[in-house]
Amino acid sequence: MNISKVLTGMIVALALGGCATVTPVSGQFPSVTPRQAQTGAENGKLVRWGGTLIKAQPKAQETCFTVMALPLRQDGRPYKGGEKSDEGRFIACAPGFYDPVLYAAGRELTFIGTVTGVQVEKVGGYDYPYPQLQASTVYLWPVEVPQPATSAVFINGGWYGGPWGPWGPWGPWGPWGW
């Protein structure tokens, strides 16, 4: 077997493997939403939920997060584009201290954990049933920095001076030049 073919195959495999993104919240989970779990019928199920953080509250042994749920993309990141689906709200608690400065309102989080019940709290003057999640994994997504829009302007088909200019296909230095 030719050594160049083996090396080419290895380089292609490494390049394609570098394109795969695996996060700590990747995987297959039941399609139970926080809205569906408000009844308490989903207690005990292992789920993956995420969304936009409303607030983080450190306590003595754990930190509890109040989250506005969003649908998740395949990699587990909350999907903020297009029409927002009403997935509801939920409270996720995880053991340990999570700094509220880093886990600030508006950040995107994804949790993996077990649904443990429903806690009723006030949202304005309304009693709202928050499904509770005992989180085993808390993933704070990096802030997506918008990329500036770029554009290219091609004049005369992109050839300097047009097709008959010095670098055009029929110009003196073009591929079909004189």
C-alpha atoms as a PDB file:
ATOM      1  CA  MET A   1       0.000   0.000   0.000  1.00  0.00           C
ATOM      2  CA  ASN A   2       1.245   3.455  -0.883  1.00  0.00           C
ATOM      3  CA  ILE A   3       2.413   5.484   2.152  1.00  0.00           C
ATOM      4  CA  SER A   4       1.055   8.730   0.651  1.00  0.00           C
ATOM      5  CA  LYS A   5      -2.449   7.234   0.489  1.00  0.00           C
ATOM      6  CA  VAL A   6      -2.245   6.186   4.145  1.00  0.00           C
ATOM      7  CA  LEU A   7      -1.011   9.623   5.236  1.00  0.00           C
ATOM      8  CA  THR A   8      -3.695  11.363   3.158  1.00  0.00           C
ATOM      9  CA  GLY A   9      -6.372   9.160   4.731  1.00  0.00           C
ATOM     10  CA  MET A  10      -5.099   9.936   8.244  1.00  0.00           C
ATOM     11  CA  ILE A  11      -5.027  13.684   7.573  1.00  0.00           C
ATOM     12  CA  VAL A  12      -8.582  13.634   6.197  1.00  0.00           C
ATOM     13  CA  ALA A  13      -9.815  11.619   9.197  1.00  0.00           C
ATOM     14  CA  LEU A  14      -8.181  14.023  11.657  1.00  0.00           C
ATOM     15  CA  ALA A  15      -9.553  17.056   9.843  1.00  0.00           C
ATOM     16  CA  LEU A  16     -13.093  15.683   9.808  1.00  0.00           C
ATOM     17  CA  GLY A  17     -12.832  14.601  13.447  1.00  0.00           C
ATOM     18  CA  GLY A  18     -11.886  18.139  14.400  1.00  0.00           C
ATOM     19  CA  CYS A  19     -15.234  19.361  13.067  1.00  0.00           C
ATOM     20  CA  ALA A  20     -17.279  17.339  15.559  1.00  0.00           C
ATOM     21  CA  THR A  21     -18.427  19.234  18.638  1.00  0.00           C
ATOM     22  CA  VAL A  22     -19.151  17.306  21.811  1.00  0.00           C
ATOM     23  CA  THR A  23     -20.296  19.185  24.892  1.00  0.00           C
ATOM     24  CA  PRO A  24     -20.886  17.853  28.404  1.00  0.00           C
ATOM     25  CA  VAL A  25     -24.622  18.127  27.693  1.00  0.00           C
ATOM     26  CA  SER A  26     -24.687  16.212  24.396  1.00  0.00           C
ATOM     27  CA  GLY A  27     -26.756  13.067  24.146  1.00  0.00           C
ATOM     28  CA  GLN A  28     -30.285  11.726  23.852  1.00  0.00           C
ATOM     29  CA  PHE A  29     -32.886  12.636  26.480  1.00  0.00           C
ATOM     30  CA  PRO A  30     -36.675  12.330  26.748  1.00  0.00           C
ATOM     31  CA  SER A  31     -38.560  15.192  25.113  1.00  0.00           C
ATOM     32  CA  VAL A  32     -40.182  16.367  28.353  1.00  0.00           C
ATOM     33  CA  THR A  33     -40.490  20.155  28.581  1.00  0.00           C
ATOM     34  CA  PRO A  34     -40.725  22.179  31.789  1.00  0.00           C
ATOM     35  CA  ARG A  35     -44.260  23.133  30.736  1.00  0.00           C
ATOM     36  CA  GLN A  36     -45.220  19.435  30.660  1.00  0.00           C
ATOM     37  CA  ALA A  37     -43.559  18.819  34.042  1.00  0.00           C
ATOM     38  CA  GLN A  38     -45.687  21.471  35.812  1.00  0.00           C
ATOM     39  CA  THR A  39     -48.264  18.791  36.671  1.00  0.00           C
ATOM     40  CA  GLY A  40     -45.764  16.669  38.619  1.00  0.00           C
ATOM     41  CA  ALA A  41     -46.376  13.656  36.376  1.00  0.00           C
ATOM     42  CA  GLU A  42     -42.763  13.706  35.118  1.00  0.00           C
ATOM     43  CA  ASN A  43     -41.127  13.370  38.574  1.00  0.00           C
ATOM     44  CA  GLY A  44     -38.132  11.057  38.640  1.00  0.00           C
ATOM     45  CA  LYS A  45     -37.274  11.431  34.952  1.00  0.00           C
ATOM     46  CA  LEU A  46     -33.761  12.315  33.804  1.00  0.00           C
ATOM     47  CA  VAL A  47     -34.041  15.328  31.488  1.00  0.00           C
ATOM     48  CA  ARG A  48     -31.946  17.938  29.711  1.00  0.00           C
ATOM     49  CA  TRP A  49     -33.372  21.432  29.998  1.00  0.00           C
ATOM     50  CA  GLY A  50     -31.896  24.804  29.208  1.00  0.00           C
ATOM     51  CA  GLY A  51     -32.679  28.407  28.602  1.00  0.00           C
ATOM     52  CA  THR A  52     -31.936  31.950  29.642  1.00  0.00           C
ATOM     53  CA  LEU A  53     -31.005  32.543  33.265  1.00  0.00           C
ATOM     54  CA  ILE A  54     -33.375  34.771  35.245  1.00  0.00           C
ATOM     55  CA  LYS A  55     -31.439  34.612  38.538  1.00  0.00           C
ATOM     56  CA  ALA A  56     -28.954  32.501  40.487  1.00  0.00           C
ATOM     57  CA  GLN A  57     -29.380  32.119  44.260  1.00  0.00           C
ATOM     58  CA  PRO A  58     -26.497  30.569  46.233  1.00  0.00           C
ATOM     59  CA  LYS A  59     -27.599  28.809  49.432  1.00  0.00           C
ATOM     60  CA  ALA A  60     -25.686  27.001  52.187  1.00  0.00           C
ATOM     61  CA  GLN A  61     -25.103  23.731  50.282  1.00  0.00           C
ATOM     62  CA  GLU A  62     -26.351  24.409  46.763  1.00  0.00           C
ATOM     63  CA  THR A  63     -27.123  27.065  44.184  1.00  0.00           C
ATOM     64  CA  CYS A  64     -30.578  27.323  42.660  1.00  0.00           C
ATOM     65  CA  PHE A  65     -31.142  28.799  39.213  1.00  0.00           C
ATOM     66  CA  THR A  66     -34.426  30.231  37.954  1.00  0.00           C
ATOM     67  CA  VAL A  67     -34.527  29.769  34.187  1.00  0.00           C
ATOM     68  CA  MET A  68     -36.776  30.800  31.298  1.00  0.00           C
ATOM     69  CA  ALA A  69     -36.803  27.592  29.282  1.00  0.00           C
ATOM     70  CA  LEU A  70     -36.015  27.541  25.567  1.00  0.00           C
ATOM     71  CA  PRO A  71     -35.967  24.697  23.055  1.00  0.00           C
ATOM     72  CA  LEU A  72     -32.516  23.116  22.756  1.00  0.00           C
ATOM     73  CA  ARG A  73     -30.441  22.589  19.657  1.00  0.00           C
ATOM     74  CA  GLN A  74     -28.959  19.175  18.945  1.00  0.00           C
ATOM     75  CA  ASP A  75     -25.769  20.035  20.870  1.00  0.00           C
ATOM     76  CA  GLY A  76     -27.832  21.106  23.899  1.00  0.00           C
ATOM     77  CA  ARG A  77     -27.456  24.864  23.517  1.00  0.00           C
ATOM     78  CA  PRO A  78     -30.645  26.913  24.003  1.00  0.00           C
ATOM     79  CA  TYR A  79     -32.099  28.062  20.696  1.00  0.00           C
ATOM     80  CA  LYS A  80     -32.794  31.798  20.788  1.00  0.00           C
ATOM     81  CA  GLY A  81     -33.562  32.400  17.127  1.00  0.00           C
ATOM     82  CA  GLY A  82     -36.852  32.745  15.338  1.00  0.00           C
ATOM     83  CA  GLU A  83     -40.118  32.190  17.118  1.00  0.00           C
ATOM     84  CA  LYS A  84     -39.679  31.615  20.828  1.00  0.00           C
ATOM     85  CA  SER A  85     -41.548  28.600  22.037  1.00  0.00           C
ATOM     86  CA  ASP A  86     -43.329  28.798  25.376  1.00  0.00           C
ATOM     87  CA  GLU A  87     -41.410  26.075  27.183  1.00  0.00           C
ATOM     88  CA  GLY A  88     -42.196  27.614  30.584  1.00  0.00           C
ATOM     89  CA  ARG A  89     -39.897  28.292  33.504  1.00  0.00           C
ATOM     90  CA  PHE A  90     -38.086  25.965  35.869  1.00  0.00           C
ATOM     91  CA  ILE A  91     -35.830  25.940  38.922  1.00  0.00           C
ATOM     92  CA  ALA A  92     -32.646  23.863  38.811  1.00  0.00           C
ATOM     93  CA  CYS A  93     -30.576  23.305  41.947  1.00  0.00           C
ATOM     94  CA  ALA A  94     -27.016  21.987  41.886  1.00  0.00           C
ATOM     95  CA  PRO A  95     -24.684  21.196  44.783  1.00  0.00           C
ATOM     96  CA  GLY A  96     -21.957  23.739  45.463  1.00  0.00           C
ATOM     97  CA  PHE A  97     -21.412  27.439  44.952  1.00  0.00           C
ATOM     98  CA  TYR A  98     -21.942  29.066  41.566  1.00  0.00           C
ATOM     99  CA  ASP A  99     -20.967  32.742  41.511  1.00  0.00           C
ATOM    100  CA  PRO A 100     -23.962  34.951  40.585  1.00  0.00           C
ATOM    101  CA  VAL A 101     -21.590  37.379  38.873  1.00  0.00           C
ATOM    102  CA  LEU A 102     -20.534  34.687  36.372  1.00  0.00           C
ATOM    103  CA  TYR A 103     -23.985  33.127  36.289  1.00  0.00           C
ATOM    104  CA  ALA A 104     -25.701  36.439  35.585  1.00  0.00           C
ATOM    105  CA  ALA A 105     -29.185  37.107  34.270  1.00  0.00           C
ATOM    106  CA  GLY A 106     -29.427  36.666  30.520  1.00  0.00           C
ATOM    107  CA  ARG A 107     -26.728  33.962  30.220  1.00  0.00           C
ATOM    108  CA  GLU A 108     -27.516  30.679  28.504  1.00  0.00           C
ATOM    109  CA  LEU A 109     -27.393  27.505  30.597  1.00  0.00           C
ATOM    110  CA  THR A 110     -28.134  23.842  30.037  1.00  0.00           C
ATOM    111  CA  PHE A 111     -28.797  21.342  32.829  1.00  0.00           C
ATOM    112  CA  ILE A 112     -28.955  17.586  33.051  1.00  0.00           C
ATOM    113  CA  GLY A 113     -30.803  16.285  36.070  1.00  0.00           C
ATOM    114  CA  THR A 114     -33.792  14.595  37.636  1.00  0.00           C
ATOM    115  CA  VAL A 115     -37.212  16.196  37.951  1.00  0.00           C
ATOM    116  CA  THR A 116     -37.977  16.256  41.706  1.00  0.00           C
ATOM    117  CA  GLY A 117     -41.299  18.052  41.986  1.00  0.00           C
ATOM    118  CA  VAL A 118     -43.110  21.354  41.551  1.00  0.00           C
ATOM    119  CA  GLN A 119     -42.613  24.517  43.597  1.00  0.00           C
ATOM    120  CA  VAL A 120     -45.215  27.302  43.399  1.00  0.00           C
ATOM    121  CA  GLU A 121     -43.805  30.844  43.469  1.00  0.00           C
ATOM    122  CA  LYS A 122     -45.126  34.274  42.554  1.00  0.00           C
ATOM    123  CA  VAL A 123     -44.483  35.815  39.154  1.00  0.00           C
ATOM    124  CA  GLY A 124     -45.892  39.282  39.634  1.00  0.00           C
ATOM    125  CA  GLY A 125     -49.191  38.561  41.378  1.00  0.00           C
ATOM    126  CA  TYR A 126     -49.634  35.156  39.729  1.00  0.00           C
ATOM    127  CA  ASP A 127     -48.904  31.785  41.360  1.00  0.00           C
ATOM    128  CA  TYR A 128     -46.611  29.988  38.929  1.00  0.00           C
ATOM    129  CA  PRO A 129     -45.791  26.249  39.199  1.00  0.00           C
ATOM    130  CA  TYR A 130     -42.020  25.874  38.703  1.00  0.00           C
ATOM    131  CA  PRO A 131     -40.884  22.304  37.986  1.00  0.00           C
ATOM    132  CA  GLN A 132     -37.799  21.561  40.087  1.00  0.00           C
ATOM    133  CA  LEU A 133     -34.705  19.874  38.737  1.00  0.00           C
ATOM    134  CA  GLN A 134     -31.894  18.379  40.832  1.00  0.00           C
ATOM    135  CA  ALA A 135     -29.047  19.060  38.411  1.00  0.00           C
ATOM    136  CA  SER A 136     -26.081  16.735  38.062  1.00  0.00           C
ATOM    137  CA  THR A 137     -24.587  18.830  35.230  1.00  0.00           C
ATOM    138  CA  VAL A 138     -24.623  22.620  34.871  1.00  0.00           C
ATOM    139  CA  TYR A 139     -23.197  24.000  31.636  1.00  0.00           C
ATOM    140  CA  LEU A 140     -22.719  27.745  31.170  1.00  0.00           C
ATOM    141  CA  TRP A 141     -22.458  28.472  27.460  1.00  0.00           C
ATOM    142  CA  PRO A 142     -19.819  30.923  26.260  1.00  0.00           C
ATOM    143  CA  VAL A 143     -21.204  34.217  25.034  1.00  0.00           C
ATOM    144  CA  GLU A 144     -21.595  34.137  21.275  1.00  0.00           C
ATOM    145  CA  VAL A 145     -19.812  37.105  19.771  1.00  0.00           C
ATOM    146  CA  PRO A 146     -21.607  38.229  16.621  1.00  0.00           C
ATOM    147  CA  GLN A 147     -19.375  38.141  13.575  1.00  0.00           C
ATOM    148  CA  PRO A 148     -19.319  41.323  11.509  1.00  0.00           C
ATOM    149  CA  ALA A 149     -21.004  41.067   8.160  1.00  0.00           C
ATOM    150  CA  THR A 150     -18.517  41.066   5.330  1.00  0.00           C
ATOM    151  CA  SER A 151     -19.108  41.743   1.707  1.00  0.00           C
ATOM    152  CA  ALA A 152     -17.092  41.712  -1.446  1.00  0.00           C
ATOM    153  CA  VAL A 153     -17.710  43.900  -4.441  1.00  0.00           C
ATOM    154  CA  PHE A 154     -16.844  42.528  -7.844  1.00  0.00           C
ATOM    155  CA  ILE A 155     -16.731  45.046 -10.638  1.00  0.00           C
ATOM    156  CA  ASN A 156     -16.652  43.864 -14.238  1.00  0.00           C
ATOM    157  CA  GLY A 157     -16.944  40.235 -13.227  1.00  0.00           C
ATOM    158  CA  GLY A 158     -14.066  40.497 -10.772  1.00  0.00           C
ATOM    159  CA  TRP A 159     -11.414  41.040 -13.407  1.00  0.00           C
ATOM    160  CA  TYR A 160      -9.134  44.033 -13.022  1.00  0.00           C
ATOM    161  CA  GLY A 161     -10.160  46.343 -15.870  1.00  0.00           C
ATOM    162  CA  GLY A 162     -12.875  43.994 -17.115  1.00  0.00           C
ATOM    163  CA  PRO A 163     -12.425  40.965 -19.337  1.00  0.00           C
ATOM    164  CA  TRP A 164     -10.231  42.957 -21.756  1.00  0.00           C
ATOM    165  CA  GLY A 165      -8.210  44.637 -18.986  1.00  0.00           C
ATOM    166  CA  PRO A 166      -4.597  43.674 -18.294  1.00  0.00           C
ATOM    167  CA  TRP A 167      -5.519  40.705 -16.048  1.00  0.00           C
ATOM    168  CA  GLY A 168      -8.781  39.685 -17.727  1.00  0.00           C
ATOM    169  CA  PRO A 169      -9.000  36.459 -19.730  1.00  0.00           C
ATOM    170  CA  TRP A 170      -8.560  38.328 -23.031  1.00  0.00           C
ATOM    171  CA  GLY A 171      -6.089  40.897 -21.728  1.00  0.00           C
ATOM    172  CA  PRO A 172      -2.353  40.798 -22.478  1.00  0.00           C
ATOM    173  CA  TRP A 173      -1.446  38.973 -19.252  1.00  0.00           C
ATOM    174  CA  GLY A 174      -4.583  36.836 -18.884  1.00  0.00           C
ATOM    175  CA  PRO A 175      -4.666  33.105 -19.614  1.00  0.00           C
ATOM    176  CA  TRP A 176      -5.896  33.657 -23.176  1.00  0.00           C
ATOM    177  CA  GLY A 177      -3.943  36.883 -23.711  1.00  0.00           C
ATOM    178  CA  TRP A 178      -2.185  37.804 -26.903  1.00  0.00           C
END
